[in-house]
Amino acid sequence: MIVVLIAGIGTVVLTRAPATTTIFATTTASTTAFATTTASVTTATATASVYPLSVVTWGGDYVQTVGTVATNFTAATNVPVLLGQQGYATSTLATIEADWPNVDYNVVTTTPFVAYSMYNASYLAPLNPSVVTNLANVPSQNELIENGQVYAVSMGIGTMVIAWNTNLYPQGCGGISCLYNANLKGHVGIPGPSGSSGAFLLNLAEWKGGNESDIQPGIQAAITLAKTGNIGLVGSTDNQQISAMETGQVWVQYMWVSDYFTAKAAGAPLNAIFVFNDTKAFSNADQAVIINGSGAHVLESEQFINFMLGLSYENLWTSTIGEIPAENGATMPALLLPYVPSVAAAETAIFVPNAALLAANDPSWINLWNTQVQPDIS
């Protein structure tokens, strides 16, 4: 059990929470990390009459950005927020599946493929446009719409990049083929098969002529890479990949855009390519959903998402994390301009996978990775 104090509601007793979740208290002054637990727990109960809204996001710039939103949301509405930090979106999905319906997550930031999986399992509440009025600013292609109702909405559209340490690998990279360079033995980092919605395997498949329905070219390319001995890290969380770049554990890494900017902001000597010279880069949206479990607070959750979709927070999200705006009226963040000069240029350099096909095929991809690729990773 962990007992914490949250401004506005008093003492909160955490009896269950997801593994390695960092809990945050929001105040009008700051968002402060105050406890990390590795216990197998998922429910928070408060002694005060106002129940805290439970919001889950990723680490790095994500948790800081959502923390800013949460701080200002609490100040504006007097609704306290309990902010949890997840690893990969699939890990949160697994926790929800294991505990359903006794889940007290309210708002979760996730990926389109995980959002689609959650919808198929009836874990999501639809967003009411009369409450989430800022949905009007989001193009329909940036939403998950089923039976005329919106179940997920994008805040930003990110991409995978190939980053390198300019001191340890000054020649840099031009595309996916760089990962196979003989000078990189033991120095290449990649996400695991479930990381970033299966991005690495699918990007390899795209490079070799495959797609969401034909992953085998990606599996063969991954086997070839594993046999080179170049893979020094198969990351299981965003923070692990960030740390590997900050410390020089790996010299080159295929990684999520916000993880790159987080490591670079920490002072690591890094550069990256967003436009690959041999294929298009995997792209994924960051979406917000409402979990409709036993601890659901749908109205407050809708109010939080609407708050987060306000244009000032949309610009905060994309400018901090380094993503293409998902809302009409938002501006291309200055952070991206040295790498991609415009939204139009970004859109020609990326491919957006089919979320339904990802949801259907990703489990089999993980099995193929574990049986055919992993044995060759030293």
Protein backbone atom coordinates (compact mmCIF):
# COMPACT_ATOMS: atom_id res chain seq x y z
CA MET A 1 0.00 0.00 0.00
CA ILE A 2 1.16 3.54 -0.78
CA VAL A 3 -0.36 6.56 0.96
CA VAL A 4 0.09 9.89 -0.81
CA LEU A 5 -1.22 13.42 -0.46
CA ILE A 6 -2.86 15.16 -3.40
CA ALA A 7 -3.69 18.84 -3.25
CA GLY A 8 -7.43 19.41 -3.18
CA ILE A 9 -8.53 16.01 -1.92
CA GLY A 10 -6.33 15.00 0.97
CA THR A 11 -4.99 11.50 1.59
CA VAL A 12 -5.19 8.87 -1.14
CA VAL A 13 -4.55 5.19 -0.44
CA LEU A 14 -3.26 3.23 -3.44
CA THR A 15 -4.19 -0.40 -3.00
CA ARG A 16 -3.56 -1.52 -6.57
CA ALA A 17 -1.68 0.07 -9.54
CA PRO A 18 0.05 -1.14 -12.71
CA ALA A 19 3.61 -2.39 -12.43
CA THR A 20 6.32 0.30 -12.46
CA THR A 21 3.76 3.10 -12.60
CA THR A 22 4.92 6.46 -11.35
CA ILE A 23 2.13 8.31 -9.58
CA PHE A 24 1.93 12.10 -9.80
CA ALA A 25 0.13 14.66 -7.67
CA THR A 26 -1.13 17.71 -9.50
CA THR A 27 -1.15 21.06 -7.76
CA THR A 28 -1.68 24.57 -9.06
CA ALA A 29 2.08 25.11 -8.81
CA SER A 30 3.67 21.99 -10.25
CA THR A 31 3.40 18.36 -11.20
CA THR A 32 5.60 16.37 -8.85
CA ALA A 33 6.60 12.73 -9.09
CA PHE A 34 6.37 11.38 -5.60
CA ALA A 35 6.11 7.61 -5.65
CA THR A 36 7.04 4.65 -7.81
CA THR A 37 5.68 1.20 -7.13
CA THR A 38 6.46 -2.19 -8.60
CA ALA A 39 3.49 -3.70 -6.76
CA SER A 40 0.72 -5.38 -8.72
CA VAL A 41 -1.98 -2.80 -7.99
CA THR A 42 -4.66 -0.89 -10.13
CA THR A 43 -7.23 0.88 -7.97
CA ALA A 44 -6.91 4.20 -6.15
CA THR A 45 -9.43 5.19 -3.48
CA ALA A 46 -9.64 8.61 -1.87
CA THR A 47 -10.77 9.53 1.62
CA ALA A 48 -12.20 12.82 0.35
CA SER A 49 -15.52 13.22 -1.46
CA VAL A 50 -13.93 14.33 -4.75
CA TYR A 51 -12.56 11.30 -6.59
CA PRO A 52 -9.28 11.87 -8.46
CA LEU A 53 -9.38 11.46 -12.22
CA SER A 54 -6.88 8.77 -13.23
CA VAL A 55 -4.91 9.68 -16.37
CA VAL A 56 -2.24 7.41 -17.89
CA THR A 57 0.44 8.43 -20.39
CA TRP A 58 4.01 7.61 -21.38
CA GLY A 59 7.21 8.86 -19.76
CA GLY A 60 9.62 11.58 -20.85
CA ASP A 61 8.08 14.64 -22.46
CA TYR A 62 4.65 13.02 -22.47
CA VAL A 63 4.26 12.85 -18.71
CA GLN A 64 5.53 16.40 -18.34
CA THR A 65 3.18 17.72 -21.03
CA VAL A 66 0.12 15.90 -19.68
CA GLY A 67 1.19 16.99 -16.21
CA THR A 68 0.97 20.63 -17.30
CA VAL A 69 -2.50 19.99 -18.72
CA ALA A 70 -3.52 18.21 -15.51
CA THR A 71 -2.23 21.01 -13.31
CA ASN A 72 -4.23 23.63 -15.20
CA PHE A 73 -7.29 21.38 -15.48
CA THR A 74 -7.33 20.94 -11.70
CA ALA A 75 -6.97 24.68 -11.19
CA ALA A 76 -9.86 25.37 -13.59
CA THR A 77 -12.27 22.62 -12.48
CA ASN A 78 -11.20 21.65 -8.95
CA VAL A 79 -11.09 18.03 -10.16
CA PRO A 80 -7.82 16.45 -8.93
CA VAL A 81 -5.82 14.25 -11.29
CA LEU A 82 -3.82 11.12 -10.52
CA LEU A 83 -1.25 10.85 -13.32
CA GLY A 84 0.23 7.43 -14.06
CA GLN A 85 3.19 6.58 -16.30
CA GLN A 86 3.02 3.57 -18.62
CA GLY A 87 5.69 1.75 -20.59
CA TYR A 88 4.36 0.72 -23.98
CA ALA A 89 0.66 1.22 -24.73
CA THR A 90 0.28 -2.54 -25.10
CA SER A 91 1.31 -3.03 -21.47
CA THR A 92 -1.61 -0.88 -20.31
CA LEU A 93 -3.94 -2.83 -22.59
CA ALA A 94 -2.70 -6.08 -21.00
CA THR A 95 -3.37 -4.69 -17.50
CA ILE A 96 -6.88 -3.64 -18.49
CA GLU A 97 -7.56 -7.05 -20.02
CA ALA A 98 -6.36 -8.82 -16.87
CA ASP A 99 -8.40 -6.68 -14.46
CA TRP A 100 -11.54 -5.95 -16.46
CA PRO A 101 -14.04 -4.65 -15.44
CA ASN A 102 -12.35 -3.61 -12.17
CA VAL A 103 -10.31 -0.90 -13.84
CA ASP A 104 -10.03 2.61 -12.49
CA TYR A 105 -8.11 4.17 -15.35
CA ASN A 106 -10.19 7.01 -16.77
CA VAL A 107 -8.23 8.67 -19.57
CA VAL A 108 -5.42 6.84 -21.36
CA THR A 109 -3.16 8.13 -24.10
CA THR A 110 -2.48 5.33 -26.54
CA THR A 111 -1.87 4.39 -30.16
CA PRO A 112 -4.47 3.84 -32.90
CA PHE A 113 -3.95 0.09 -32.99
CA VAL A 114 -4.31 -0.25 -29.21
CA ALA A 115 -7.32 2.09 -29.26
CA TYR A 116 -8.90 -0.13 -31.91
CA SER A 117 -8.18 -3.23 -29.81
CA MET A 118 -9.77 -1.53 -26.79
CA TYR A 119 -12.83 -0.63 -28.86
CA ASN A 120 -13.21 -4.21 -30.10
CA ALA A 121 -13.10 -5.44 -26.49
CA SER A 122 -15.79 -2.89 -25.45
CA TYR A 123 -13.40 -1.13 -23.07
CA LEU A 124 -14.06 2.39 -24.41
CA ALA A 125 -16.73 5.01 -23.81
CA PRO A 126 -17.63 7.20 -26.82
CA LEU A 127 -16.81 10.91 -26.69
CA ASN A 128 -19.86 13.16 -26.47
CA PRO A 129 -19.33 16.05 -28.93
CA SER A 130 -21.54 18.32 -26.83
CA VAL A 131 -18.96 17.98 -24.03
CA VAL A 132 -15.80 17.45 -26.10
CA THR A 133 -16.59 20.46 -28.28
CA ASN A 134 -13.01 20.70 -29.54
CA LEU A 135 -13.63 17.55 -31.58
CA ALA A 136 -14.94 19.99 -34.19
CA ASN A 137 -11.33 21.07 -34.81
CA VAL A 138 -10.02 17.54 -35.45
CA PRO A 139 -10.28 16.07 -38.98
CA SER A 140 -12.12 12.75 -39.05
CA GLN A 141 -9.02 10.90 -40.30
CA ASN A 142 -7.43 11.71 -36.94
CA GLU A 143 -10.24 10.03 -34.99
CA LEU A 144 -11.44 6.48 -34.38
CA ILE A 145 -15.06 6.56 -35.52
CA GLU A 146 -17.30 3.51 -35.22
CA ASN A 147 -21.06 3.48 -35.84
CA GLY A 148 -21.06 7.27 -36.06
CA GLN A 149 -19.42 7.78 -32.65
CA VAL A 150 -15.90 8.97 -31.84
CA TYR A 151 -13.98 6.62 -29.53
CA ALA A 152 -10.44 8.02 -29.85
CA VAL A 153 -9.02 11.39 -30.85
CA SER A 154 -5.48 12.30 -31.89
CA MET A 155 -3.40 15.01 -30.23
CA GLY A 156 -0.37 14.71 -32.48
CA ILE A 157 1.02 12.57 -35.29
CA GLY A 158 4.50 11.28 -34.67
CA THR A 159 7.00 9.17 -36.56
CA MET A 160 9.86 6.81 -36.00
CA VAL A 161 13.32 8.28 -36.59
CA ILE A 162 16.83 6.90 -36.87
CA ALA A 163 19.07 8.71 -34.40
CA TRP A 164 22.80 8.51 -33.81
CA ASN A 165 25.41 9.75 -31.37
CA THR A 166 27.46 12.29 -33.32
CA ASN A 167 30.59 11.58 -31.22
CA LEU A 168 30.42 7.79 -31.46
CA TYR A 169 29.04 7.49 -35.00
CA PRO A 170 29.83 10.78 -36.76
CA GLN A 171 29.09 9.50 -40.27
CA GLY A 172 25.40 9.32 -39.42
CA CYS A 173 22.62 7.49 -41.22
CA GLY A 174 20.50 7.92 -44.33
CA GLY A 175 17.93 5.16 -43.92
CA ILE A 176 17.06 1.71 -42.60
CA SER A 177 20.05 0.14 -44.36
CA CYS A 178 22.35 2.03 -41.98
CA LEU A 179 21.42 -0.38 -39.18
CA TYR A 180 23.28 -3.15 -41.04
CA ASN A 181 26.63 -1.32 -41.17
CA ALA A 182 29.49 -3.65 -40.18
CA ASN A 183 30.95 -0.94 -37.92
CA LEU A 184 27.90 -1.06 -35.63
CA LYS A 185 28.31 -4.48 -34.03
CA GLY A 186 26.57 -4.42 -30.66
CA HIS A 187 25.72 -0.72 -31.03
CA VAL A 188 22.22 -0.63 -32.60
CA GLY A 189 19.10 -0.10 -30.53
CA ILE A 190 15.58 -1.03 -31.62
CA PRO A 191 12.18 -1.30 -29.90
CA GLY A 192 10.81 -4.75 -29.16
CA PRO A 193 8.20 -6.34 -31.43
CA SER A 194 5.30 -4.78 -29.50
CA GLY A 195 6.96 -1.38 -29.12
CA SER A 196 5.36 1.55 -30.93
CA SER A 197 2.63 -0.70 -32.35
CA GLY A 198 5.03 -3.09 -34.05
CA ALA A 199 6.76 -0.20 -35.82
CA PHE A 200 10.16 -1.79 -36.36
CA LEU A 201 8.97 -5.01 -37.98
CA LEU A 202 6.43 -3.18 -40.11
CA ASN A 203 8.99 -0.58 -41.21
CA LEU A 204 11.36 -3.39 -42.21
CA ALA A 205 8.52 -5.04 -44.11
CA GLU A 206 7.68 -1.76 -45.87
CA TRP A 207 11.35 -1.38 -46.81
CA LYS A 208 11.40 -4.87 -48.32
CA GLY A 209 8.07 -4.66 -50.12
CA GLY A 210 5.76 -6.04 -47.43
CA ASN A 211 2.94 -4.44 -45.46
CA GLU A 212 0.50 -5.04 -42.57
CA SER A 213 -0.88 -8.10 -44.36
CA ASP A 214 2.54 -9.47 -45.32
CA ILE A 215 5.04 -9.13 -42.48
CA GLN A 216 7.34 -11.94 -43.66
CA PRO A 217 9.73 -9.60 -45.55
CA GLY A 218 10.15 -7.70 -42.27
CA ILE A 219 10.80 -10.92 -40.33
CA GLN A 220 13.47 -11.96 -42.82
CA ALA A 221 15.09 -8.51 -42.64
CA ALA A 222 15.05 -8.69 -38.84
CA ILE A 223 16.68 -12.14 -38.89
CA THR A 224 19.40 -10.81 -41.17
CA LEU A 225 20.00 -7.85 -38.84
CA ALA A 226 20.12 -10.12 -35.79
CA LYS A 227 22.73 -12.34 -37.45
CA THR A 228 25.02 -9.33 -38.06
CA GLY A 229 25.47 -9.00 -34.29
CA ASN A 230 24.64 -5.30 -34.54
CA ILE A 231 21.66 -5.32 -32.16
CA GLY A 232 22.86 -4.18 -28.74
CA LEU A 233 19.48 -3.27 -27.27
CA VAL A 234 15.92 -4.44 -27.75
CA GLY A 235 14.10 -1.77 -25.76
CA SER A 236 11.09 -2.73 -23.66
CA THR A 237 10.13 0.84 -22.68
CA ASP A 238 10.55 4.34 -24.04
CA ASN A 239 12.66 5.32 -21.03
CA GLN A 240 15.06 2.45 -21.72
CA GLN A 241 15.60 3.65 -25.28
CA ILE A 242 16.03 7.25 -24.11
CA SER A 243 18.62 6.21 -21.52
CA ALA A 244 20.54 4.15 -24.08
CA MET A 245 21.00 7.25 -26.24
CA GLU A 246 21.84 9.54 -23.33
CA THR A 247 24.55 7.21 -22.00
CA GLY A 248 26.02 6.07 -25.31
CA GLN A 249 25.00 2.46 -24.64
CA VAL A 250 23.97 2.38 -28.29
CA TRP A 251 25.37 4.52 -31.09
CA VAL A 252 22.45 4.30 -33.52
CA GLN A 253 18.82 3.71 -32.69
CA TYR A 254 15.48 3.33 -34.44
CA MET A 255 13.21 5.15 -32.00
CA TRP A 256 10.09 7.22 -31.45
CA VAL A 257 10.40 10.92 -32.25
CA SER A 258 9.62 12.19 -28.74
CA ASP A 259 12.19 9.81 -27.21
CA TYR A 260 14.81 11.29 -29.52
CA PHE A 261 13.96 14.84 -28.51
CA THR A 262 13.95 13.86 -24.82
CA ALA A 263 17.45 12.39 -25.08
CA LYS A 264 18.70 15.34 -27.11
CA ALA A 265 17.28 17.83 -24.60
CA ALA A 266 19.21 16.05 -21.85
CA GLY A 267 22.43 17.09 -23.60
CA ALA A 268 23.32 13.92 -25.51
CA PRO A 269 25.24 14.71 -28.75
CA LEU A 270 22.58 13.45 -31.15
CA ASN A 271 21.28 13.92 -34.65
CA ALA A 272 18.54 12.09 -36.53
CA ILE A 273 16.79 11.62 -39.84
CA PHE A 274 13.02 11.92 -40.20
CA VAL A 275 13.03 11.41 -43.97
CA PHE A 276 14.60 8.05 -44.85
CA ASN A 277 16.40 7.65 -48.18
CA ASP A 278 15.34 4.01 -48.73
CA THR A 279 11.73 3.79 -47.52
CA LYS A 280 9.01 5.77 -45.77
CA ALA A 281 9.04 6.05 -41.98
CA PHE A 282 6.41 4.42 -39.80
CA SER A 283 3.96 6.97 -38.44
CA ASN A 284 1.58 6.74 -35.52
CA ALA A 285 -0.83 9.12 -33.83
CA ASP A 286 -1.01 9.72 -30.10
CA GLN A 287 -4.65 9.32 -29.17
CA ALA A 288 -6.76 9.84 -26.05
CA VAL A 289 -9.49 7.40 -25.01
CA ILE A 290 -11.88 6.99 -22.08
CA ILE A 291 -11.88 3.63 -20.30
CA ASN A 292 -15.41 2.54 -19.41
CA GLY A 293 -14.56 0.25 -16.48
CA SER A 294 -16.14 0.02 -13.05
CA GLY A 295 -14.32 3.18 -11.95
CA ALA A 296 -15.40 5.25 -14.93
CA HIS A 297 -15.94 8.99 -14.55
CA VAL A 298 -17.03 9.68 -18.11
CA LEU A 299 -18.14 13.31 -17.80
CA GLU A 300 -14.95 14.43 -16.03
CA SER A 301 -12.90 12.37 -18.50
CA GLU A 302 -14.61 14.09 -21.44
CA GLN A 303 -13.94 17.46 -19.84
CA PHE A 304 -10.26 16.56 -19.45
CA ILE A 305 -9.92 15.49 -23.09
CA ASN A 306 -11.70 18.62 -24.25
CA PHE A 307 -9.31 20.69 -22.12
CA MET A 308 -6.33 18.84 -23.63
CA LEU A 309 -7.65 19.49 -27.15
CA GLY A 310 -7.70 23.25 -26.59
CA LEU A 311 -5.49 24.86 -29.22
CA SER A 312 -2.92 26.13 -26.71
CA TYR A 313 -2.44 22.61 -25.36
CA GLU A 314 -2.41 21.11 -28.86
CA ASN A 315 0.47 23.44 -29.68
CA LEU A 316 2.13 22.59 -26.35
CA TRP A 317 1.79 18.88 -27.13
CA THR A 318 3.26 19.03 -30.63
CA SER A 319 5.97 21.56 -29.81
CA THR A 320 7.19 19.66 -26.73
CA ILE A 321 6.95 16.15 -28.14
CA GLY A 322 7.89 17.03 -31.71
CA GLU A 323 4.86 15.83 -33.63
CA ILE A 324 2.82 16.93 -36.63
CA PRO A 325 -0.33 18.76 -35.47
CA ALA A 326 -3.57 16.74 -35.54
CA GLU A 327 -5.92 19.73 -35.19
CA ASN A 328 -6.94 22.41 -37.64
CA GLY A 329 -5.43 25.76 -36.65
CA ALA A 330 -2.38 24.31 -34.87
CA THR A 331 1.10 25.31 -36.06
CA MET A 332 4.01 23.18 -37.21
CA PRO A 333 6.33 23.04 -34.17
CA ALA A 334 9.69 24.78 -34.45
CA LEU A 335 11.28 21.63 -33.00
CA LEU A 336 10.55 19.76 -36.24
CA LEU A 337 11.50 22.43 -38.76
CA PRO A 338 15.24 21.55 -38.96
CA TYR A 339 14.24 18.00 -39.95
CA VAL A 340 10.95 18.41 -41.85
CA PRO A 341 10.13 21.88 -43.26
CA SER A 342 6.34 21.56 -43.42
CA VAL A 343 3.31 19.38 -42.73
CA ALA A 344 3.12 18.61 -46.45
CA ALA A 345 6.76 17.46 -46.53
CA ALA A 346 6.20 15.28 -43.48
CA GLU A 347 3.16 13.63 -45.01
CA THR A 348 5.12 12.55 -48.10
CA ALA A 349 7.87 10.95 -45.97
CA ILE A 350 5.68 8.74 -43.75
CA PHE A 351 3.28 5.84 -44.07
CA VAL A 352 0.29 5.45 -41.77
CA PRO A 353 -0.53 1.81 -41.03
CA ASN A 354 -4.04 0.37 -40.93
CA ALA A 355 -4.99 0.20 -37.23
CA ALA A 356 -7.43 -2.69 -37.71
CA LEU A 357 -4.79 -4.81 -39.48
CA LEU A 358 -2.23 -3.97 -36.78
CA ALA A 359 -4.65 -5.04 -34.06
CA ALA A 360 -5.42 -8.29 -35.88
CA ASN A 361 -1.84 -9.22 -36.80
CA ASP A 362 0.45 -7.87 -34.06
CA PRO A 363 0.10 -10.91 -31.73
CA SER A 364 1.30 -13.22 -34.49
CA TRP A 365 4.19 -10.85 -35.26
CA ILE A 366 5.35 -11.06 -31.65
CA ASN A 367 5.29 -14.84 -31.85
CA LEU A 368 7.30 -14.79 -35.09
CA TRP A 369 9.83 -12.45 -33.47
CA ASN A 370 10.19 -14.64 -30.40
CA THR A 371 10.62 -17.85 -32.39
CA GLN A 372 12.53 -16.69 -35.48
CA VAL A 373 14.39 -13.46 -34.63
CA GLN A 374 15.15 -13.46 -30.91
CA PRO A 375 17.27 -16.67 -31.00
CA ASP A 376 19.81 -14.90 -33.26
CA ILE A 377 20.16 -11.81 -31.02
CA SER A 378 23.31 -12.28 -28.97
